[in-house]
N, C-alpha and C. Protein backbone atom coordinates (compact mmCIF):
# COMPACT_ATOMS: atom_id res chain seq x y z
N MET A 1 -18.93 6.53 15.87
CA MET A 1 -18.27 6.20 17.12
C MET A 1 -18.33 4.41 16.79
N SER A 2 -16.54 4.45 16.65
CA SER A 2 -15.90 3.23 16.33
C SER A 2 -15.85 2.23 17.41
N VAL A 3 -16.52 0.89 17.32
CA VAL A 3 -16.74 0.22 18.77
C VAL A 3 -15.53 -1.01 18.55
N GLU A 4 -14.73 -1.46 19.07
CA GLU A 4 -13.45 -2.60 18.96
C GLU A 4 -14.43 -3.35 18.46
N GLY A 5 -13.50 -3.67 17.53
CA GLY A 5 -13.81 -5.09 16.81
C GLY A 5 -14.27 -5.38 15.52
N ASP A 6 -14.86 -4.02 15.42
CA ASP A 6 -15.53 -3.35 13.94
C ASP A 6 -14.86 -2.97 12.66
N GLU A 7 -13.83 -2.88 13.04
CA GLU A 7 -12.61 -2.29 12.31
C GLU A 7 -12.04 -3.56 11.16
N GLY A 8 -12.13 -2.75 9.98
CA GLY A 8 -12.08 -3.53 8.93
C GLY A 8 -10.46 -3.97 9.17
N PRO A 9 -9.97 -5.18 7.79
CA PRO A 9 -8.19 -5.53 8.12
C PRO A 9 -7.49 -4.39 7.64
N GLN A 10 -8.16 -3.68 6.85
CA GLN A 10 -7.25 -2.64 6.34
C GLN A 10 -6.55 -1.51 7.47
N ARG A 11 -7.82 -1.24 8.02
CA ARG A 11 -7.66 -0.23 8.77
C ARG A 11 -6.99 -0.64 9.98
N LYS A 12 -7.11 -1.68 10.21
CA LYS A 12 -6.39 -2.34 11.41
C LYS A 12 -5.03 -2.28 10.78
N CYS A 13 -4.72 -2.74 9.85
CA CYS A 13 -3.24 -2.66 9.41
C CYS A 13 -2.70 -1.15 9.43
N THR A 14 -3.63 -0.11 9.18
CA THR A 14 -2.76 1.19 9.21
C THR A 14 -2.71 1.13 10.49
N VAL A 15 -3.68 0.98 11.72
CA VAL A 15 -3.42 2.00 12.97
C VAL A 15 -1.89 0.79 13.92
N GLU A 16 -1.95 -0.50 13.04
CA GLU A 16 -0.76 -1.04 13.35
C GLU A 16 0.76 -0.36 13.10
N PHE A 17 0.67 -0.07 11.62
CA PHE A 17 2.16 0.92 11.40
C PHE A 17 1.91 2.15 12.09
N LYS A 18 0.76 2.89 12.28
CA LYS A 18 1.19 4.14 12.93
C LYS A 18 1.37 3.68 14.35
N VAL A 19 1.20 2.69 15.14
CA VAL A 19 2.25 2.48 16.44
C VAL A 19 3.93 2.24 16.20
N HIS A 20 4.21 1.70 15.07
CA HIS A 20 5.69 1.59 14.74
C HIS A 20 6.09 2.95 14.55
N ILE A 21 5.52 3.48 13.59
CA ILE A 21 5.80 4.79 13.10
C ILE A 21 6.27 5.67 14.64
N HIS A 22 5.21 5.64 15.35
CA HIS A 22 5.04 6.40 16.80
C HIS A 22 6.17 6.07 17.00
N ARG A 23 6.56 4.69 17.54
CA ARG A 23 7.62 4.30 18.29
C ARG A 23 9.02 4.84 17.78
N TRP A 24 9.43 4.40 16.78
CA TRP A 24 10.42 5.25 15.85
C TRP A 24 10.57 6.62 15.74
N GLN A 25 9.89 7.46 16.01
CA GLN A 25 9.57 8.76 16.07
C GLN A 25 10.20 9.34 17.60
N LYS A 26 9.57 8.55 18.51
CA LYS A 26 9.69 8.91 19.75
C LYS A 26 11.53 8.28 20.38
N GLU A 27 11.65 7.31 19.57
CA GLU A 27 12.96 6.60 20.33
C GLU A 27 14.27 6.40 19.43
N SER A 28 14.04 7.08 18.35
CA SER A 28 15.53 7.07 17.57
C SER A 28 15.59 8.97 17.20
N ASP A 29 16.68 8.89 16.35
CA ASP A 29 16.80 10.28 16.11
C ASP A 29 16.65 10.83 14.41
N LEU A 30 15.82 9.41 13.96
CA LEU A 30 15.38 9.81 12.78
C LEU A 30 14.40 10.98 12.11
N GLU A 31 14.52 11.61 11.60
CA GLU A 31 13.95 12.81 10.96
C GLU A 31 12.38 11.83 10.39
N PRO A 32 11.15 12.51 10.49
CA PRO A 32 9.88 12.47 9.96
C PRO A 32 10.46 11.86 8.68
N GLN A 33 10.93 12.52 7.74
CA GLN A 33 11.14 12.02 5.94
C GLN A 33 12.02 10.83 5.85
N GLU A 34 13.08 10.63 7.10
CA GLU A 34 14.13 9.34 7.02
C GLU A 34 12.99 8.24 7.49
N ILE A 35 11.98 8.71 8.40
CA ILE A 35 11.27 7.17 8.26
C ILE A 35 10.07 7.03 6.83
N VAL A 36 9.99 8.35 6.84
CA VAL A 36 9.06 7.44 5.55
C VAL A 36 10.05 6.85 4.58
N ASP A 37 10.75 7.18 4.33
CA ASP A 37 12.06 6.69 3.44
C ASP A 37 12.59 5.29 3.70
N ALA A 38 12.54 5.29 4.92
CA ALA A 38 12.92 3.61 5.48
C ALA A 38 11.79 2.79 5.13
N ILE A 39 10.54 3.12 5.38
CA ILE A 39 9.51 2.36 5.14
C ILE A 39 9.20 2.17 3.87
N GLU A 40 9.06 2.90 3.01
CA GLU A 40 9.20 3.56 1.73
C GLU A 40 10.08 1.75 1.08
N GLN A 41 11.49 1.89 1.49
CA GLN A 41 12.47 1.06 1.20
C GLN A 41 12.11 -0.29 1.59
N ALA A 42 11.60 -0.48 2.91
CA ALA A 42 10.93 -1.70 3.05
C ALA A 42 9.83 -2.32 2.44
N ILE A 43 8.82 -1.94 1.82
CA ILE A 43 7.94 -2.06 1.11
C ILE A 43 8.75 -2.05 -0.01
N GLU A 44 9.26 -1.57 -0.68
CA GLU A 44 9.83 -1.77 -2.15
C GLU A 44 10.58 -3.20 -1.98
N GLU A 45 11.36 -3.88 -0.75
CA GLU A 45 11.93 -4.55 -0.79
C GLU A 45 11.02 -6.08 -0.26
N TYR A 46 10.38 -5.59 0.64
CA TYR A 46 9.10 -6.98 0.66
C TYR A 46 8.29 -7.40 -0.27
N PHE A 47 7.96 -6.23 -1.53
CA PHE A 47 7.01 -6.50 -2.33
C PHE A 47 7.82 -7.07 -3.62
N GLU A 48 9.27 -6.96 -3.91
CA GLU A 48 10.34 -6.92 -4.63
C GLU A 48 9.85 -5.64 -5.78
N LEU A 49 9.47 -4.65 -5.29
CA LEU A 49 8.89 -3.37 -6.40
C LEU A 49 10.34 -2.74 -6.86
N ASP A 50 9.97 -2.45 -8.07
CA ASP A 50 11.04 -1.76 -8.59
C ASP A 50 10.42 -0.71 -9.57
N ASP A 51 10.86 0.33 -9.52
CA ASP A 51 10.22 1.83 -10.31
C ASP A 51 10.16 1.62 -11.47
N GLU A 52 11.00 1.24 -12.33
CA GLU A 52 10.81 0.93 -13.78
C GLU A 52 9.88 -0.32 -13.95
N GLU A 53 9.25 -1.55 -12.99
CA GLU A 53 8.67 -2.70 -13.16
C GLU A 53 7.41 -1.68 -13.65
N GLU A 54 6.81 -2.29 -14.87
CA GLU A 54 5.10 -2.03 -14.66
C GLU A 54 4.35 -3.32 -14.80
N ILE A 55 3.51 -2.83 -14.27
CA ILE A 55 2.58 -3.95 -13.71
C ILE A 55 1.39 -4.17 -15.12
N VAL A 56 1.27 -5.14 -16.31
CA VAL A 56 0.35 -5.20 -16.79
C VAL A 56 -0.62 -6.11 -16.81
N PHE A 57 -2.10 -5.66 -16.74
CA PHE A 57 -3.21 -6.93 -16.99
C PHE A 57 -3.40 -6.87 -17.91
N GLU A 58 -3.26 -8.51 -18.53
CA GLU A 58 -3.83 -8.87 -19.38
C GLU A 58 -5.63 -9.31 -20.14
N PRO A 59 -6.06 -8.98 -20.61
CA PRO A 59 -7.77 -9.48 -20.56
C PRO A 59 -7.42 -10.95 -20.78
N GLU A 60 -8.64 -11.46 -19.95
CA GLU A 60 -8.37 -12.93 -20.95
C GLU A 60 -9.48 -12.91 -21.68
N GLU A 61 -8.98 -14.04 -23.07
CA GLU A 61 -9.67 -14.62 -24.38
C GLU A 61 -11.17 -14.52 -23.90
N GLY A 62 -12.01 -14.18 -24.81
CA GLY A 62 -13.37 -14.34 -24.82
C GLY A 62 -13.94 -13.39 -23.61
N LEU A 63 -13.44 -12.66 -23.31
CA LEU A 63 -13.89 -12.58 -22.23
C LEU A 63 -14.88 -10.62 -22.24
N ASP A 64 -16.19 -10.72 -22.40
CA ASP A 64 -16.89 -9.46 -22.75
C ASP A 64 -17.35 -8.82 -21.69
N LEU A 65 -16.32 -7.28 -22.10
CA LEU A 65 -16.65 -6.22 -21.64
C LEU A 65 -17.45 -5.07 -21.71
N GLY A 66 -18.87 -5.41 -22.58
CA GLY A 66 -19.10 -4.78 -23.14
C GLY A 66 -18.91 -3.86 -24.06
N ASP A 67 -19.28 -2.72 -24.04
CA ASP A 67 -19.22 -1.70 -25.48
C ASP A 67 -17.38 -1.41 -25.74
N SER A 68 -17.42 -1.89 -26.84
CA SER A 68 -15.28 -1.37 -27.51
C SER A 68 -15.17 -0.16 -27.15
N GLU A 69 -14.32 0.72 -27.52
CA GLU A 69 -13.73 1.83 -27.85
C GLU A 69 -14.10 2.26 -28.60
N GLU A 70 -14.19 1.44 -29.73
CA GLU A 70 -14.35 1.54 -30.96
C GLU A 70 -16.01 2.10 -31.07
N GLY A 71 -16.68 1.18 -30.59
CA GLY A 71 -18.22 1.36 -30.49
C GLY A 71 -18.73 2.65 -29.57
N SER A 72 -18.32 3.29 -28.77
CA SER A 72 -18.81 3.95 -27.95
C SER A 72 -18.84 5.70 -28.73
């Protein structure tokens, strides 16, 4: 059983967005997929994401990550 105040930030964010989704579903004539598409567009715009954009993580020089692939 969940007690108020013991939810983590990620769960709180999820609950908050569900409230907005519920409102849009009840108060608009948008179909569920249209709402999902609008949310996806908002996320892409907010975080400036691009379908072709690739995020590459470069390891820091001198960082020992243990066994290399060659030695595995």
